[in-house]
C-alpha atoms as a PDB file:
ATOM      1  CA  MET A   1     -79.623   1.726  -8.378  1.00  0.00           C
ATOM      2  CA  LYS A   2     -79.600   2.342  -4.614  1.00  0.00           C
ATOM      3  CA  THR A   3     -82.895   2.095  -2.763  1.00  0.00           C
ATOM      4  CA  THR A   4     -82.814   5.787  -1.826  1.00  0.00           C
ATOM      5  CA  GLN A   5     -82.395   6.689  -5.485  1.00  0.00           C
ATOM      6  CA  THR A   6     -85.230   4.389  -6.577  1.00  0.00           C
ATOM      7  CA  ILE A   7     -87.535   5.886  -3.963  1.00  0.00           C
ATOM      8  CA  GLY A   8     -86.509   9.395  -4.980  1.00  0.00           C
ATOM      9  CA  VAL A   9     -87.172   8.759  -8.664  1.00  0.00           C
ATOM     10  CA  ASN A  10     -90.583   7.292  -7.861  1.00  0.00           C
ATOM     11  CA  ILE A  11     -91.538  10.145  -5.525  1.00  0.00           C
ATOM     12  CA  ARG A  12     -90.660  12.646  -8.225  1.00  0.00           C
ATOM     13  CA  LYS A  13     -92.625  10.734 -10.893  1.00  0.00           C
ATOM     14  CA  TYR A  14     -95.749  10.495  -8.732  1.00  0.00           C
ATOM     15  CA  ARG A  15     -95.415  14.095  -7.588  1.00  0.00           C
ATOM     16  CA  LEU A  16     -95.196  15.380 -11.159  1.00  0.00           C
ATOM     17  CA  ALA A  17     -97.897  13.024 -12.470  1.00  0.00           C
ATOM     18  CA  GLN A  18    -100.304  14.288  -9.840  1.00  0.00           C
ATOM     19  CA  GLY A  19     -99.373  17.941 -10.174  1.00  0.00           C
ATOM     20  CA  TYR A  20     -97.895  18.499  -6.727  1.00  0.00           C
ATOM     21  CA  THR A  21     -95.002  20.835  -6.064  1.00  0.00           C
ATOM     22  CA  GLN A  22     -92.105  20.089  -3.765  1.00  0.00           C
ATOM     23  CA  ASP A  23     -93.614  22.717  -1.454  1.00  0.00           C
ATOM     24  CA  HIS A  24     -96.868  20.710  -1.262  1.00  0.00           C
ATOM     25  CA  LEU A  25     -94.988  17.582  -0.219  1.00  0.00           C
ATOM     26  CA  ALA A  26     -92.817  19.526   2.214  1.00  0.00           C
ATOM     27  CA  ASN A  27     -95.897  20.964   3.926  1.00  0.00           C
ATOM     28  CA  LEU A  28     -97.506  17.536   4.144  1.00  0.00           C
ATOM     29  CA  LEU A  29     -94.382  16.052   5.736  1.00  0.00           C
ATOM     30  CA  GLY A  30     -93.555  19.075   7.881  1.00  0.00           C
ATOM     31  CA  VAL A  31     -90.107  19.575   6.339  1.00  0.00           C
ATOM     32  CA  LYS A  32     -88.416  22.253   4.235  1.00  0.00           C
ATOM     33  CA  ARG A  33     -88.741  22.106   0.454  1.00  0.00           C
ATOM     34  CA  GLU A  34     -85.018  21.428   0.162  1.00  0.00           C
ATOM     35  CA  VAL A  35     -85.482  18.154   2.047  1.00  0.00           C
ATOM     36  CA  ILE A  36     -87.918  16.973  -0.637  1.00  0.00           C
ATOM     37  CA  SER A  37     -85.263  17.757  -3.224  1.00  0.00           C
ATOM     38  CA  TYR A  38     -82.749  15.651  -1.259  1.00  0.00           C
ATOM     39  CA  TYR A  39     -85.255  12.785  -1.117  1.00  0.00           C
ATOM     40  CA  GLU A  40     -85.955  12.986  -4.837  1.00  0.00           C
ATOM     41  CA  ASN A  41     -82.238  13.044  -5.641  1.00  0.00           C
ATOM     42  CA  GLY A  42     -81.663  10.028  -3.392  1.00  0.00           C
ATOM     43  CA  THR A  43     -79.132  11.861  -1.262  1.00  0.00           C
ATOM     44  CA  ARG A  44     -81.063  11.488   2.001  1.00  0.00           C
ATOM     45  CA  ASN A  45     -82.914   8.612   3.594  1.00  0.00           C
ATOM     46  CA  ILE A  46     -86.616   9.223   4.027  1.00  0.00           C
ATOM     47  CA  PRO A  47     -88.332   8.078   7.235  1.00  0.00           C
ATOM     48  CA  VAL A  48     -90.900   5.294   6.875  1.00  0.00           C
ATOM     49  CA  THR A  49     -93.582   7.523   8.399  1.00  0.00           C
ATOM     50  CA  SER A  50     -92.976  10.037   5.605  1.00  0.00           C
ATOM     51  CA  LEU A  51     -93.074   7.284   2.988  1.00  0.00           C
ATOM     52  CA  ASN A  52     -96.440   6.169   4.369  1.00  0.00           C
ATOM     53  CA  LYS A  53     -97.808   9.728   4.176  1.00  0.00           C
ATOM     54  CA  LEU A  54     -96.619  10.068   0.586  1.00  0.00           C
ATOM     55  CA  ALA A  55     -98.100   6.710  -0.402  1.00  0.00           C
ATOM     56  CA  ASP A  56    -101.427   7.844   1.095  1.00  0.00           C
ATOM     57  CA  LEU A  57    -101.268  11.130  -0.798  1.00  0.00           C
ATOM     58  CA  PHE A  58    -100.418   9.416  -4.077  1.00  0.00           C
ATOM     59  CA  GLY A  59    -103.093   6.751  -3.496  1.00  0.00           C
ATOM     60  CA  ILE A  60    -100.636   3.886  -3.809  1.00  0.00           C
ATOM     61  CA  GLU A  61     -99.216   1.109  -1.695  1.00  0.00           C
ATOM     62  CA  LEU A  62     -95.918   1.842   0.049  1.00  0.00           C
ATOM     63  CA  GLU A  63     -94.249  -0.890  -1.987  1.00  0.00           C
ATOM     64  CA  GLU A  64     -94.880   1.078  -5.168  1.00  0.00           C
ATOM     65  CA  LEU A  65     -92.427   3.733  -4.006  1.00  0.00           C
ATOM     66  CA  LEU A  66     -89.796   0.976  -3.872  1.00  0.00           C
ATOM     67  CA  GLU A  67     -90.555  -0.323  -7.374  1.00  0.00           C
ATOM     68  CA  GLU A  68     -87.438  -0.538  -9.533  1.00  0.00           C
ATOM     69  CA  ASN A  69     -89.138  -2.019 -12.603  1.00  0.00           C
ATOM     70  CA  SER A  70     -89.901   0.984 -14.815  1.00  0.00           C
ATOM     71  CA  THR A  71     -92.663  -0.878 -16.696  1.00  0.00           C
ATOM     72  CA  ILE A  72     -94.585  -1.592 -13.501  1.00  0.00           C
ATOM     73  CA  ALA A  73     -93.964   1.919 -12.206  1.00  0.00           C
ATOM     74  CA  SER A  74     -95.233   3.398 -15.491  1.00  0.00           C
ATOM     75  CA  THR A  75     -98.415   1.333 -15.252  1.00  0.00           C
ATOM     76  CA  ASN A  76     -99.013   2.596 -11.713  1.00  0.00           C
ATOM     77  CA  LEU A  77     -98.404   6.163 -12.856  1.00  0.00           C
ATOM     78  CA  ALA A  78    -100.981   5.808 -15.624  1.00  0.00           C
ATOM     79  CA  PHE A  79    -103.671   5.530 -12.958  1.00  0.00           C
ATOM     80  CA  ALA A  80    -102.388   8.402 -10.819  1.00  0.00           C
ATOM     81  CA  PHE A  81    -104.849  11.096  -9.802  1.00  0.00           C
ATOM     82  CA  ARG A  82    -103.940  14.507 -11.220  1.00  0.00           C
ATOM     83  CA  SER A  83    -104.300  17.403  -8.799  1.00  0.00           C
ATOM     84  CA  GLU A  84    -104.876  21.021  -9.534  1.00  0.00           C
ATOM     85  CA  SER A  85    -104.020  23.904  -7.229  1.00  0.00           C
ATOM     86  CA  PHE A  86    -104.830  22.496  -3.807  1.00  0.00           C
ATOM     87  CA  THR A  87    -104.374  24.090  -0.445  1.00  0.00           C
ATOM     88  CA  ASP A  88    -102.425  22.299   2.264  1.00  0.00           C
ATOM     89  CA  THR A  89    -105.717  21.374   3.927  1.00  0.00           C
ATOM     90  CA  ASP A  90    -106.942  19.884   0.645  1.00  0.00           C
ATOM     91  CA  ILE A  91    -103.750  17.849   0.314  1.00  0.00           C
ATOM     92  CA  HIS A  92    -104.133  16.416   3.812  1.00  0.00           C
ATOM     93  CA  SER A  93    -107.792  15.606   3.126  1.00  0.00           C
ATOM     94  CA  ILE A  94    -106.950  13.920  -0.181  1.00  0.00           C
ATOM     95  CA  ALA A  95    -104.235  11.819   1.459  1.00  0.00           C
ATOM     96  CA  GLU A  96    -106.616  10.746   4.231  1.00  0.00           C
ATOM     97  CA  PHE A  97    -109.388   9.905   1.773  1.00  0.00           C
ATOM     98  CA  LYS A  98    -107.046   7.815  -0.374  1.00  0.00           C
ATOM     99  CA  ARG A  99    -105.811   5.993   2.732  1.00  0.00           C
ATOM    100  CA  ILE A 100    -109.402   5.161   3.695  1.00  0.00           C
ATOM    101  CA  VAL A 101    -110.239   3.927   0.188  1.00  0.00           C
ATOM    102  CA  LEU A 102    -107.119   1.728   0.060  1.00  0.00           C
ATOM    103  CA  SER A 103    -107.956   0.297   3.488  1.00  0.00           C
ATOM    104  CA  TYR A 104    -111.488  -0.467   2.336  1.00  0.00           C
ATOM    105  CA  LEU A 105    -110.228  -2.187  -0.799  1.00  0.00           C
ATOM    106  CA  LYS A 106    -107.789  -4.290   1.230  1.00  0.00           C
ATOM    107  CA  MET A 107    -110.527  -5.330   3.647  1.00  0.00           C
ATOM    108  CA  ASN A 108    -112.862  -6.138   0.765  1.00  0.00           C
ATOM    109  CA  ASN A 109    -110.198  -8.318  -0.882  1.00  0.00           C
ATOM    110  CA  ILE A 110    -109.623 -10.163   2.398  1.00  0.00           C
ATOM    111  CA  LEU A 111    -113.360 -10.694   2.870  1.00  0.00           C
ATOM    112  CA  ASN A 112    -113.714 -12.018  -0.676  1.00  0.00           C
ATOM    113  CA  ALA A 113    -110.760 -14.369  -0.182  1.00  0.00           C
ATOM    114  CA  VAL A 114    -112.281 -15.725   3.020  1.00  0.00           C
ATOM    115  CA  ASN A 115    -115.682 -16.247   1.394  1.00  0.00           C
ATOM    116  CA  ASP A 116    -114.268 -18.020  -1.664  1.00  0.00           C
END
């Protein structure tokens, strides 16, 4: 499978698992809903900045959007946060909060590795 297709499949899985619409993602990225459809179908390349925003929103590492192994991807999806009807402001706030939490966890892991 091509990388763009793998990314598209993973974006769609995380989007559905967390209850977001294509419109939600489009608003977050500042693109039209149709562009999200192109990304999910693997027919368009997605900018790295957009991938980073999506990873923040989904509460995952960027690498997880590139994951081809369906078993690993399914495990990551099992821990996905399920959204309800959020406003665009809520979605931006959730993405920022998840980014902060992931940064904290990374720093904590580094600190623990240094102290061990």
